[in-house]
Amino acid sequence: MTEIIETDAGAARVTWREAPGARLVLAVSHGAGGGVEARDLQALAAVLPAHGVSVALVEQPWRVADKKVAPAPKTLDVGWRGVWPALAERGLPVIAGGRSAGARVACRTAVELGAAAALALSFPLHPPGRPEKSRAGELLGSGVPTLVVQGGNDPFGKPEEFPAGSYDIVEVPYGDHGFAVPKRAPIEQDEAVRIITDGVVKWASSLG
């Protein structure tokens, strides 16, 4: 099921992948350089419903409007806030999630919106080559149980660069910012994707 939701930042689009007898909702948005067709988002939407988690793929208004450049972070937050009532209206706990810029949005707004937890896929800890421009405060300040899934070779922040905190982290070996692994890597692409889905399934099961 797909629905269009009007927000103060424009019309957003939510595509649902329903779980029979769902106990949780995972709402995930995309990054600044792509949409919900990202391999990790599609894999989670395919796998999680069998584990009692309905998945809502959230497309920010700028993507729905077919714009090429993402707006400022505060505008992304406005769009996310605008779709939240539709995500929560089923009365189930909602995990706020996203990849890259979407992960930042999820962490920034988790407490405010009453999220049960936060899922940060490819959290952009810093711009490539600029570790001094850390965004760790957004992650550390999520205020809810948080899982980071990070590529081992992500130029926006490798797992070992992340500061100590109360969150969990799953590393996708050799993965880049899009979780792509080189052809020469000792793991195949489908194995890398399974690490993502297995990690999220295990973590989500611990949430109750």
N, C-alpha and C. Protein backbone atom coordinates (compact mmCIF):
# COMPACT_ATOMS: atom_id res chain seq x y z
N MET A 1 0.84 -1.19 0.00
CA MET A 1 0.00 0.00 0.00
C MET A 1 0.88 1.24 0.00
N THR A 2 0.52 2.20 -0.84
CA THR A 2 1.25 3.46 -0.91
C THR A 2 0.29 4.60 -0.62
N GLU A 3 0.73 5.55 0.20
CA GLU A 3 -0.10 6.70 0.50
C GLU A 3 0.72 7.98 0.39
N ILE A 4 0.05 9.05 -0.03
CA ILE A 4 0.65 10.38 -0.09
C ILE A 4 0.20 11.15 1.14
N ILE A 5 1.15 11.75 1.83
CA ILE A 5 0.85 12.47 3.06
C ILE A 5 1.34 13.90 2.92
N GLU A 6 0.46 14.84 3.12
CA GLU A 6 0.84 16.25 3.04
C GLU A 6 1.55 16.67 4.32
N THR A 7 2.70 17.32 4.16
CA THR A 7 3.46 17.85 5.29
C THR A 7 3.75 19.32 5.04
N ASP A 8 4.29 19.99 6.04
CA ASP A 8 4.63 21.40 5.88
C ASP A 8 5.82 21.60 4.94
N ALA A 9 6.47 20.49 4.56
CA ALA A 9 7.58 20.57 3.60
C ALA A 9 7.16 20.09 2.21
N GLY A 10 5.88 19.76 2.05
CA GLY A 10 5.39 19.23 0.78
C GLY A 10 4.83 17.82 0.96
N ALA A 11 4.46 17.21 -0.15
CA ALA A 11 3.85 15.88 -0.10
C ALA A 11 4.93 14.80 0.01
N ALA A 12 4.78 13.96 1.03
CA ALA A 12 5.66 12.80 1.21
C ALA A 12 4.92 11.55 0.75
N ARG A 13 5.67 10.48 0.50
CA ARG A 13 5.07 9.22 0.06
C ARG A 13 5.53 8.10 0.99
N VAL A 14 4.58 7.29 1.43
CA VAL A 14 4.89 6.16 2.31
C VAL A 14 4.41 4.87 1.64
N THR A 15 5.32 3.93 1.47
CA THR A 15 5.00 2.63 0.90
C THR A 15 5.12 1.57 2.00
N TRP A 16 4.04 0.85 2.24
CA TRP A 16 3.98 -0.12 3.33
C TRP A 16 4.27 -1.54 2.84
N ARG A 17 5.03 -2.25 3.65
CA ARG A 17 5.19 -3.69 3.51
C ARG A 17 4.69 -4.29 4.82
N GLU A 18 3.52 -4.87 4.77
CA GLU A 18 2.81 -5.26 5.98
C GLU A 18 3.27 -6.61 6.52
N ALA A 19 3.30 -6.69 7.86
CA ALA A 19 3.57 -7.95 8.54
C ALA A 19 2.26 -8.48 9.12
N PRO A 20 1.91 -9.73 8.85
CA PRO A 20 0.73 -10.30 9.50
C PRO A 20 0.93 -10.30 11.02
N GLY A 21 -0.05 -9.78 11.75
CA GLY A 21 0.07 -9.75 13.21
C GLY A 21 1.25 -8.94 13.69
N ALA A 22 1.51 -7.82 13.04
CA ALA A 22 2.70 -7.01 13.35
C ALA A 22 2.76 -6.60 14.82
N ARG A 23 3.98 -6.60 15.36
CA ARG A 23 4.19 -6.11 16.73
C ARG A 23 4.97 -4.81 16.74
N LEU A 24 5.61 -4.48 15.63
CA LEU A 24 6.40 -3.26 15.50
C LEU A 24 6.23 -2.68 14.10
N VAL A 25 6.50 -1.39 13.99
CA VAL A 25 6.63 -0.74 12.68
C VAL A 25 8.04 -0.19 12.58
N LEU A 26 8.70 -0.47 11.48
CA LEU A 26 9.97 0.18 11.16
C LEU A 26 9.71 1.19 10.05
N ALA A 27 9.89 2.46 10.38
CA ALA A 27 9.76 3.53 9.38
C ALA A 27 11.16 3.96 8.98
N VAL A 28 11.47 3.84 7.69
CA VAL A 28 12.82 4.18 7.24
C VAL A 28 12.76 5.13 6.05
N SER A 29 13.64 6.12 6.09
CA SER A 29 13.75 7.07 4.99
C SER A 29 15.13 6.95 4.35
N HIS A 30 15.25 7.57 3.21
CA HIS A 30 16.45 7.47 2.37
C HIS A 30 17.46 8.57 2.71
N GLY A 31 18.56 8.56 1.99
CA GLY A 31 19.59 9.57 2.16
C GLY A 31 19.44 10.73 1.20
N ALA A 32 20.44 11.59 1.19
CA ALA A 32 20.41 12.78 0.35
C ALA A 32 20.79 12.48 -1.10
N GLY A 33 21.34 11.29 -1.34
CA GLY A 33 21.79 10.98 -2.69
C GLY A 33 21.01 9.89 -3.39
N GLY A 34 19.88 9.48 -2.81
CA GLY A 34 19.12 8.41 -3.41
C GLY A 34 17.76 8.29 -2.77
N GLY A 35 17.05 7.23 -3.13
CA GLY A 35 15.69 7.05 -2.64
C GLY A 35 15.52 5.72 -1.94
N VAL A 36 14.26 5.30 -1.82
CA VAL A 36 13.95 4.08 -1.09
C VAL A 36 14.30 2.83 -1.89
N GLU A 37 14.82 3.01 -3.10
CA GLU A 37 15.29 1.85 -3.87
C GLU A 37 16.65 1.35 -3.38
N ALA A 38 17.25 2.00 -2.40
CA ALA A 38 18.55 1.58 -1.87
C ALA A 38 18.51 0.12 -1.43
N ARG A 39 19.61 -0.59 -1.64
CA ARG A 39 19.62 -2.04 -1.42
C ARG A 39 19.29 -2.40 0.03
N ASP A 40 19.75 -1.63 1.00
CA ASP A 40 19.48 -1.97 2.39
C ASP A 40 18.01 -1.76 2.74
N LEU A 41 17.42 -0.67 2.25
CA LEU A 41 16.02 -0.41 2.55
C LEU A 41 15.12 -1.47 1.90
N GLN A 42 15.41 -1.82 0.66
CA GLN A 42 14.60 -2.83 -0.02
C GLN A 42 14.75 -4.20 0.65
N ALA A 43 15.95 -4.53 1.08
CA ALA A 43 16.17 -5.82 1.74
C ALA A 43 15.41 -5.89 3.06
N LEU A 44 15.43 -4.82 3.83
CA LEU A 44 14.70 -4.81 5.09
C LEU A 44 13.19 -4.93 4.85
N ALA A 45 12.70 -4.23 3.82
CA ALA A 45 11.28 -4.29 3.50
C ALA A 45 10.86 -5.69 3.07
N ALA A 46 11.78 -6.44 2.47
CA ALA A 46 11.48 -7.80 2.02
C ALA A 46 11.54 -8.82 3.16
N VAL A 47 12.44 -8.60 4.11
CA VAL A 47 12.71 -9.61 5.13
C VAL A 47 11.92 -9.41 6.43
N LEU A 48 11.82 -8.18 6.90
CA LEU A 48 11.29 -7.95 8.25
C LEU A 48 9.83 -8.34 8.45
N PRO A 49 8.94 -8.20 7.46
CA PRO A 49 7.55 -8.58 7.71
C PRO A 49 7.37 -10.02 8.18
N ALA A 50 8.24 -10.92 7.76
CA ALA A 50 8.15 -12.30 8.21
C ALA A 50 8.53 -12.46 9.68
N HIS A 51 9.07 -11.40 10.26
CA HIS A 51 9.48 -11.41 11.67
C HIS A 51 8.62 -10.48 12.51
N GLY A 52 7.42 -10.18 12.03
CA GLY A 52 6.49 -9.40 12.82
C GLY A 52 6.70 -7.91 12.79
N VAL A 53 7.47 -7.42 11.83
CA VAL A 53 7.75 -5.99 11.73
C VAL A 53 7.25 -5.45 10.40
N SER A 54 6.22 -4.60 10.43
CA SER A 54 5.79 -3.92 9.22
C SER A 54 6.80 -2.83 8.88
N VAL A 55 7.06 -2.64 7.60
CA VAL A 55 8.05 -1.65 7.16
C VAL A 55 7.34 -0.56 6.36
N ALA A 56 7.63 0.68 6.73
CA ALA A 56 7.12 1.84 6.00
C ALA A 56 8.31 2.55 5.36
N LEU A 57 8.37 2.52 4.03
CA LEU A 57 9.42 3.21 3.29
C LEU A 57 8.96 4.64 3.04
N VAL A 58 9.67 5.58 3.62
CA VAL A 58 9.24 6.99 3.59
C VAL A 58 10.09 7.77 2.60
N GLU A 59 9.41 8.37 1.62
CA GLU A 59 10.09 9.24 0.65
C GLU A 59 9.82 10.69 1.02
N GLN A 60 10.90 11.40 1.26
CA GLN A 60 10.81 12.80 1.65
C GLN A 60 10.20 13.64 0.53
N PRO A 61 9.55 14.76 0.88
CA PRO A 61 8.89 15.59 -0.14
C PRO A 61 9.80 16.00 -1.30
N TRP A 62 11.06 16.24 -1.05
CA TRP A 62 11.93 16.68 -2.15
C TRP A 62 12.12 15.57 -3.20
N ARG A 63 12.08 14.32 -2.74
CA ARG A 63 12.17 13.21 -3.70
C ARG A 63 10.85 13.03 -4.45
N VAL A 64 9.75 13.17 -3.74
CA VAL A 64 8.44 13.04 -4.38
C VAL A 64 8.28 14.12 -5.45
N ALA A 65 8.83 15.31 -5.18
CA ALA A 65 8.76 16.42 -6.13
C ALA A 65 9.81 16.32 -7.23
N ASP A 66 10.62 15.24 -7.21
CA ASP A 66 11.64 14.98 -8.23
C ASP A 66 12.72 16.05 -8.27
N LYS A 67 13.03 16.60 -7.10
CA LYS A 67 14.16 17.54 -7.02
C LYS A 67 15.46 16.76 -6.89
N LYS A 68 16.53 17.35 -7.35
CA LYS A 68 17.81 16.63 -7.41
C LYS A 68 18.65 16.80 -6.16
N VAL A 69 18.38 17.85 -5.39
CA VAL A 69 19.22 18.16 -4.23
C VAL A 69 18.36 18.18 -2.98
N ALA A 70 18.84 17.52 -1.94
CA ALA A 70 18.10 17.49 -0.68
C ALA A 70 18.13 18.86 -0.02
N PRO A 71 17.06 19.22 0.69
CA PRO A 71 17.04 20.51 1.39
C PRO A 71 17.84 20.45 2.68
N ALA A 72 17.82 21.54 3.42
CA ALA A 72 18.56 21.63 4.68
C ALA A 72 18.02 20.64 5.70
N PRO A 73 18.86 20.23 6.66
CA PRO A 73 18.42 19.26 7.67
C PRO A 73 17.11 19.64 8.36
N LYS A 74 16.93 20.90 8.69
CA LYS A 74 15.70 21.28 9.40
C LYS A 74 14.46 21.03 8.53
N THR A 75 14.59 21.15 7.21
CA THR A 75 13.47 20.87 6.32
C THR A 75 13.21 19.37 6.24
N LEU A 76 14.25 18.57 6.27
CA LEU A 76 14.07 17.12 6.32
C LEU A 76 13.33 16.72 7.59
N ASP A 77 13.68 17.35 8.70
CA ASP A 77 12.99 17.07 9.96
C ASP A 77 11.51 17.42 9.86
N VAL A 78 11.19 18.52 9.19
CA VAL A 78 9.79 18.93 9.03
C VAL A 78 9.01 17.87 8.25
N GLY A 79 9.59 17.38 7.17
CA GLY A 79 8.93 16.34 6.39
C GLY A 79 8.70 15.07 7.20
N TRP A 80 9.70 14.68 7.98
CA TRP A 80 9.61 13.47 8.81
C TRP A 80 8.54 13.62 9.88
N ARG A 81 8.53 14.78 10.53
CA ARG A 81 7.49 15.03 11.55
C ARG A 81 6.11 14.94 10.93
N GLY A 82 5.98 15.41 9.71
CA GLY A 82 4.68 15.44 9.06
C GLY A 82 4.10 14.07 8.76
N VAL A 83 4.97 13.08 8.53
CA VAL A 83 4.47 11.73 8.23
C VAL A 83 4.28 10.90 9.49
N TRP A 84 4.86 11.33 10.58
CA TRP A 84 4.88 10.50 11.80
C TRP A 84 3.48 10.09 12.28
N PRO A 85 2.48 10.98 12.30
CA PRO A 85 1.16 10.54 12.76
C PRO A 85 0.62 9.36 11.97
N ALA A 86 0.87 9.30 10.67
CA ALA A 86 0.41 8.18 9.86
C ALA A 86 1.17 6.90 10.20
N LEU A 87 2.42 7.04 10.62
CA LEU A 87 3.23 5.88 10.98
C LEU A 87 2.80 5.31 12.33
N ALA A 88 2.35 6.20 13.22
CA ALA A 88 2.02 5.81 14.59
C ALA A 88 0.55 5.47 14.79
N GLU A 89 -0.29 5.73 13.79
CA GLU A 89 -1.72 5.63 14.02
C GLU A 89 -2.21 4.20 14.25
N ARG A 90 -1.37 3.21 13.95
CA ARG A 90 -1.78 1.82 14.17
C ARG A 90 -1.67 1.41 15.63
N GLY A 91 -1.07 2.27 16.43
CA GLY A 91 -0.96 1.97 17.85
C GLY A 91 0.18 1.04 18.20
N LEU A 92 1.05 0.75 17.24
CA LEU A 92 2.21 -0.11 17.49
C LEU A 92 3.45 0.75 17.77
N PRO A 93 4.41 0.20 18.52
CA PRO A 93 5.67 0.92 18.68
C PRO A 93 6.32 1.14 17.32
N VAL A 94 6.89 2.32 17.11
CA VAL A 94 7.52 2.66 15.83
C VAL A 94 9.02 2.87 16.02
N ILE A 95 9.80 2.15 15.24
CA ILE A 95 11.25 2.38 15.17
C ILE A 95 11.48 3.45 14.12
N ALA A 96 12.13 4.53 14.51
CA ALA A 96 12.49 5.57 13.56
C ALA A 96 13.80 5.18 12.90
N GLY A 97 13.81 5.10 11.58
CA GLY A 97 15.01 4.65 10.89
C GLY A 97 15.29 5.46 9.65
N GLY A 98 16.49 5.29 9.15
CA GLY A 98 16.87 5.94 7.91
C GLY A 98 18.29 5.59 7.54
N ARG A 99 18.63 5.89 6.29
CA ARG A 99 20.00 5.71 5.86
C ARG A 99 20.63 7.07 5.61
N SER A 100 21.88 7.22 6.02
CA SER A 100 22.65 8.44 5.80
C SER A 100 21.93 9.66 6.37
N ALA A 101 21.56 10.62 5.53
CA ALA A 101 20.87 11.81 6.04
C ALA A 101 19.58 11.42 6.76
N GLY A 102 18.92 10.36 6.28
CA GLY A 102 17.71 9.89 6.94
C GLY A 102 17.98 9.35 8.34
N ALA A 103 19.16 8.78 8.55
CA ALA A 103 19.55 8.31 9.87
C ALA A 103 19.73 9.48 10.83
N ARG A 104 20.29 10.57 10.33
CA ARG A 104 20.44 11.76 11.16
C ARG A 104 19.08 12.29 11.58
N VAL A 105 18.14 12.34 10.64
CA VAL A 105 16.80 12.80 10.96
C VAL A 105 16.18 11.93 12.04
N ALA A 106 16.28 10.61 11.88
CA ALA A 106 15.68 9.68 12.84
C ALA A 106 16.25 9.90 14.24
N CYS A 107 17.55 10.06 14.34
CA CYS A 107 18.18 10.26 15.64
C CYS A 107 17.82 11.61 16.24
N ARG A 108 17.78 12.65 15.41
CA ARG A 108 17.48 13.99 15.92
C ARG A 108 16.08 14.10 16.50
N THR A 109 15.14 13.35 15.95
CA THR A 109 13.73 13.54 16.30
C THR A 109 13.13 12.39 17.11
N ALA A 110 13.91 11.38 17.45
CA ALA A 110 13.37 10.16 18.05
C ALA A 110 12.62 10.43 19.35
N VAL A 111 13.22 11.15 20.26
CA VAL A 111 12.58 11.41 21.55
C VAL A 111 11.36 12.30 21.37
N GLU A 112 11.51 13.34 20.60
CA GLU A 112 10.42 14.29 20.35
C GLU A 112 9.17 13.59 19.83
N LEU A 113 9.35 12.63 18.92
CA LEU A 113 8.22 11.98 18.27
C LEU A 113 7.74 10.73 19.01
N GLY A 114 8.44 10.33 20.05
CA GLY A 114 8.03 9.16 20.81
C GLY A 114 8.40 7.84 20.16
N ALA A 115 9.49 7.82 19.39
CA ALA A 115 9.94 6.58 18.76
C ALA A 115 10.35 5.56 19.82
N ALA A 116 10.10 4.29 19.52
CA ALA A 116 10.48 3.22 20.44
C ALA A 116 11.98 2.95 20.38
N ALA A 117 12.59 3.23 19.24
CA ALA A 117 14.02 2.96 19.01
C ALA A 117 14.42 3.68 17.73
N ALA A 118 15.71 3.65 17.43
CA ALA A 118 16.21 4.28 16.21
C ALA A 118 17.16 3.33 15.49
N LEU A 119 17.03 3.29 14.17
CA LEU A 119 17.91 2.48 13.31
C LEU A 119 18.66 3.42 12.39
N ALA A 120 19.98 3.43 12.51
CA ALA A 120 20.83 4.32 11.71
C ALA A 120 21.65 3.49 10.73
N LEU A 121 21.25 3.52 9.47
CA LEU A 121 21.95 2.80 8.42
C LEU A 121 22.94 3.75 7.75
N SER A 122 24.22 3.36 7.71
CA SER A 122 25.25 4.23 7.11
C SER A 122 25.20 5.63 7.70
N PHE A 123 25.26 5.70 9.03
CA PHE A 123 25.23 7.01 9.68
C PHE A 123 26.43 7.83 9.22
N PRO A 124 26.20 9.04 8.68
CA PRO A 124 27.31 9.86 8.18
C PRO A 124 28.00 10.59 9.33
N LEU A 125 28.90 9.90 9.98
CA LEU A 125 29.56 10.44 11.17
C LEU A 125 30.28 11.75 10.89
N HIS A 126 30.80 11.86 9.67
CA HIS A 126 31.48 13.10 9.26
C HIS A 126 31.52 13.13 7.73
N PRO A 127 31.71 14.31 7.13
CA PRO A 127 31.92 14.34 5.68
C PRO A 127 33.20 13.58 5.33
N PRO A 128 33.27 12.97 4.15
CA PRO A 128 34.48 12.24 3.78
C PRO A 128 35.74 13.11 3.90
N GLY A 129 36.73 12.56 4.58
CA GLY A 129 37.99 13.26 4.74
C GLY A 129 37.95 14.40 5.75
N ARG A 130 36.84 14.56 6.47
CA ARG A 130 36.72 15.66 7.43
C ARG A 130 36.29 15.14 8.80
N PRO A 131 37.09 14.31 9.42
CA PRO A 131 36.68 13.73 10.71
C PRO A 131 36.45 14.76 11.80
N GLU A 132 37.02 15.95 11.63
CA GLU A 132 36.81 16.99 12.64
C GLU A 132 35.40 17.55 12.62
N LYS A 133 34.66 17.29 11.54
CA LYS A 133 33.27 17.76 11.41
C LYS A 133 32.32 16.67 11.89
N SER A 134 32.48 16.26 13.13
CA SER A 134 31.74 15.11 13.64
C SER A 134 30.27 15.43 13.90
N ARG A 135 29.42 14.45 13.57
CA ARG A 135 27.98 14.54 13.87
C ARG A 135 27.61 13.54 14.95
N ALA A 136 28.61 13.12 15.72
CA ALA A 136 28.37 12.10 16.74
C ALA A 136 27.31 12.53 17.74
N GLY A 137 27.21 13.83 17.98
CA GLY A 137 26.23 14.31 18.96
C GLY A 137 24.81 13.92 18.61
N GLU A 138 24.49 13.88 17.31
CA GLU A 138 23.14 13.49 16.90
C GLU A 138 22.87 12.03 17.25
N LEU A 139 23.86 11.18 17.01
CA LEU A 139 23.71 9.76 17.30
C LEU A 139 23.66 9.53 18.81
N LEU A 140 24.58 10.11 19.53
CA LEU A 140 24.65 9.90 20.97
C LEU A 140 23.45 10.50 21.69
N GLY A 141 22.80 11.47 21.05
CA GLY A 141 21.66 12.12 21.67
C GLY A 141 20.32 11.56 21.25
N SER A 142 20.31 10.40 20.62
CA SER A 142 19.03 9.87 20.14
C SER A 142 18.04 9.63 21.28
N GLY A 143 18.55 9.25 22.43
CA GLY A 143 17.71 9.09 23.61
C GLY A 143 16.86 7.83 23.65
N VAL A 144 17.02 6.95 22.67
CA VAL A 144 16.26 5.70 22.60
C VAL A 144 17.23 4.57 22.23
N PRO A 145 16.84 3.30 22.42
CA PRO A 145 17.71 2.21 21.95
C PRO A 145 18.02 2.39 20.47
N THR A 146 19.30 2.33 20.15
CA THR A 146 19.72 2.67 18.78
C THR A 146 20.67 1.61 18.24
N LEU A 147 20.44 1.24 16.97
CA LEU A 147 21.33 0.33 16.26
C LEU A 147 21.93 1.07 15.07
N VAL A 148 23.25 1.03 14.97
CA VAL A 148 23.97 1.54 13.80
C VAL A 148 24.41 0.36 12.96
N VAL A 149 24.15 0.42 11.66
CA VAL A 149 24.68 -0.58 10.72
C VAL A 149 25.60 0.18 9.78
N GLN A 150 26.88 -0.16 9.79
CA GLN A 150 27.88 0.65 9.11
C GLN A 150 28.81 -0.20 8.26
N GLY A 151 29.08 0.27 7.05
CA GLY A 151 30.04 -0.40 6.20
C GLY A 151 31.45 -0.27 6.75
N GLY A 152 32.23 -1.35 6.65
CA GLY A 152 33.59 -1.33 7.16
C GLY A 152 34.51 -0.37 6.43
N ASN A 153 34.11 0.05 5.23
CA ASN A 153 34.92 0.97 4.44
C ASN A 153 34.12 2.21 4.05
N ASP A 154 33.25 2.66 4.95
CA ASP A 154 32.41 3.82 4.67
C ASP A 154 33.23 5.10 4.83
N PRO A 155 33.37 5.90 3.77
CA PRO A 155 34.17 7.13 3.88
C PRO A 155 33.52 8.18 4.78
N PHE A 156 32.25 8.00 5.10
CA PHE A 156 31.57 8.93 6.02
C PHE A 156 31.76 8.52 7.48
N GLY A 157 32.55 7.49 7.71
CA GLY A 157 32.82 7.04 9.07
C GLY A 157 32.87 5.53 9.15
N LYS A 158 34.07 5.01 9.40
CA LYS A 158 34.24 3.57 9.57
C LYS A 158 33.83 3.20 11.00
N PRO A 159 33.42 1.96 11.22
CA PRO A 159 32.96 1.57 12.56
C PRO A 159 33.93 1.92 13.67
N GLU A 160 35.23 1.76 13.42
CA GLU A 160 36.20 2.03 14.48
C GLU A 160 36.32 3.52 14.82
N GLU A 161 35.78 4.38 13.97
CA GLU A 161 35.81 5.81 14.25
C GLU A 161 34.69 6.26 15.19
N PHE A 162 33.70 5.41 15.38
CA PHE A 162 32.55 5.82 16.18
C PHE A 162 32.92 5.89 17.66
N PRO A 163 32.44 6.90 18.36
CA PRO A 163 32.75 7.04 19.78
C PRO A 163 31.98 6.02 20.61
N ALA A 164 32.47 5.77 21.80
CA ALA A 164 31.76 4.88 22.71
C ALA A 164 30.41 5.49 23.05
N GLY A 165 29.43 4.62 23.17
CA GLY A 165 28.08 5.09 23.49
C GLY A 165 27.20 3.92 23.84
N SER A 166 25.95 4.21 24.12
CA SER A 166 25.01 3.18 24.56
C SER A 166 24.30 2.50 23.40
N TYR A 167 24.69 2.80 22.18
CA TYR A 167 24.07 2.18 21.01
C TYR A 167 24.78 0.87 20.66
N ASP A 168 24.12 0.06 19.82
CA ASP A 168 24.73 -1.14 19.27
C ASP A 168 25.20 -0.84 17.85
N ILE A 169 26.19 -1.58 17.40
CA ILE A 169 26.69 -1.37 16.03
C ILE A 169 26.95 -2.71 15.36
N VAL A 170 26.52 -2.81 14.11
CA VAL A 170 26.79 -3.98 13.27
C VAL A 170 27.66 -3.52 12.11
N GLU A 171 28.77 -4.19 11.91
CA GLU A 171 29.66 -3.84 10.80
C GLU A 171 29.39 -4.75 9.60
N VAL A 172 29.31 -4.13 8.44
CA VAL A 172 29.23 -4.87 7.19
C VAL A 172 30.63 -4.85 6.58
N PRO A 173 31.39 -5.92 6.68
CA PRO A 173 32.78 -5.91 6.25
C PRO A 173 32.93 -5.47 4.79
N TYR A 174 33.89 -4.59 4.56
CA TYR A 174 34.26 -4.11 3.22
C TYR A 174 33.20 -3.21 2.58
N GLY A 175 32.07 -3.01 3.25
CA GLY A 175 31.00 -2.22 2.65
C GLY A 175 31.31 -0.74 2.59
N ASP A 176 30.85 -0.09 1.52
CA ASP A 176 30.99 1.36 1.41
C ASP A 176 29.74 2.03 1.97
N HIS A 177 29.51 3.30 1.62
CA HIS A 177 28.37 4.02 2.17
C HIS A 177 27.03 3.44 1.72
N GLY A 178 27.03 2.78 0.57
CA GLY A 178 25.82 2.12 0.09
C GLY A 178 25.82 0.62 0.35
N PHE A 179 26.76 0.17 1.19
CA PHE A 179 26.93 -1.25 1.54
C PHE A 179 27.35 -2.10 0.35
N ALA A 180 27.87 -1.48 -0.70
CA ALA A 180 28.45 -2.24 -1.80
C ALA A 180 29.82 -2.76 -1.37
N VAL A 181 30.11 -4.02 -1.73
CA VAL A 181 31.42 -4.59 -1.43
C VAL A 181 32.18 -4.80 -2.74
N PRO A 182 33.50 -4.59 -2.73
CA PRO A 182 34.28 -4.76 -3.96
C PRO A 182 34.23 -6.20 -4.45
N LYS A 183 34.39 -6.37 -5.75
CA LYS A 183 34.38 -7.72 -6.32
C LYS A 183 35.51 -8.58 -5.75
N ARG A 184 36.59 -7.94 -5.34
CA ARG A 184 37.72 -8.70 -4.81
C ARG A 184 37.54 -9.04 -3.32
N ALA A 185 36.49 -8.54 -2.69
CA ALA A 185 36.27 -8.79 -1.27
C ALA A 185 35.97 -10.27 -1.03
N PRO A 186 36.34 -10.79 0.14
CA PRO A 186 36.10 -12.21 0.42
C PRO A 186 34.65 -12.53 0.77
N ILE A 187 33.76 -11.54 0.72
CA ILE A 187 32.34 -11.84 0.89
C ILE A 187 31.59 -11.35 -0.35
N GLU A 188 30.51 -12.04 -0.67
CA GLU A 188 29.68 -11.66 -1.81
C GLU A 188 28.69 -10.57 -1.40
N GLN A 189 28.13 -9.87 -2.39
CA GLN A 189 27.19 -8.81 -2.10
C GLN A 189 25.95 -9.31 -1.35
N ASP A 190 25.45 -10.48 -1.74
CA ASP A 190 24.25 -10.97 -1.06
C ASP A 190 24.53 -11.32 0.40
N GLU A 191 25.76 -11.74 0.69
CA GLU A 191 26.15 -12.02 2.07
C GLU A 191 26.20 -10.72 2.88
N ALA A 192 26.70 -9.67 2.25
CA ALA A 192 26.75 -8.37 2.93
C ALA A 192 25.34 -7.90 3.28
N VAL A 193 24.41 -8.08 2.36
CA VAL A 193 23.03 -7.67 2.62
C VAL A 193 22.42 -8.52 3.74
N ARG A 194 22.75 -9.79 3.77
CA ARG A 194 22.23 -10.66 4.84
C ARG A 194 22.74 -10.23 6.20
N ILE A 195 23.96 -9.73 6.26
CA ILE A 195 24.48 -9.22 7.54
C ILE A 195 23.61 -8.08 8.04
N ILE A 196 23.18 -7.23 7.11
CA ILE A 196 22.30 -6.11 7.48
C ILE A 196 20.97 -6.64 8.01
N THR A 197 20.31 -7.48 7.23
CA THR A 197 18.97 -7.93 7.62
C THR A 197 19.02 -8.80 8.88
N ASP A 198 20.02 -9.68 8.97
CA ASP A 198 20.13 -10.52 10.17
C ASP A 198 20.36 -9.67 11.42
N GLY A 199 21.21 -8.65 11.28
CA GLY A 199 21.50 -7.78 12.42
C GLY A 199 20.28 -7.02 12.88
N VAL A 200 19.49 -6.51 11.92
CA VAL A 200 18.30 -5.75 12.28
C VAL A 200 17.22 -6.65 12.86
N VAL A 201 17.05 -7.85 12.28
CA VAL A 201 16.07 -8.80 12.82
C VAL A 201 16.40 -9.14 14.27
N LYS A 202 17.65 -9.45 14.54
CA LYS A 202 18.07 -9.81 15.90
C LYS A 202 17.83 -8.66 16.87
N TRP A 203 18.21 -7.46 16.45
CA TRP A 203 18.04 -6.28 17.31
C TRP A 203 16.56 -5.99 17.54
N ALA A 204 15.76 -6.04 16.48
CA ALA A 204 14.33 -5.75 16.62
C ALA A 204 13.65 -6.75 17.56
N SER A 205 14.11 -8.00 17.53
CA SER A 205 13.51 -9.01 18.41
C SER A 205 13.80 -8.71 19.87
N SER A 206 14.89 -7.99 20.14
CA SER A 206 15.24 -7.65 21.52
C SER A 206 14.42 -6.48 22.05
N LEU A 207 13.67 -5.83 21.17
CA LEU A 207 12.89 -4.66 21.59
C LEU A 207 11.55 -5.06 22.20
N GLY A 208 11.23 -6.36 22.14
CA GLY A 208 9.98 -6.82 22.73
C GLY A 208 8.92 -7.12 21.69
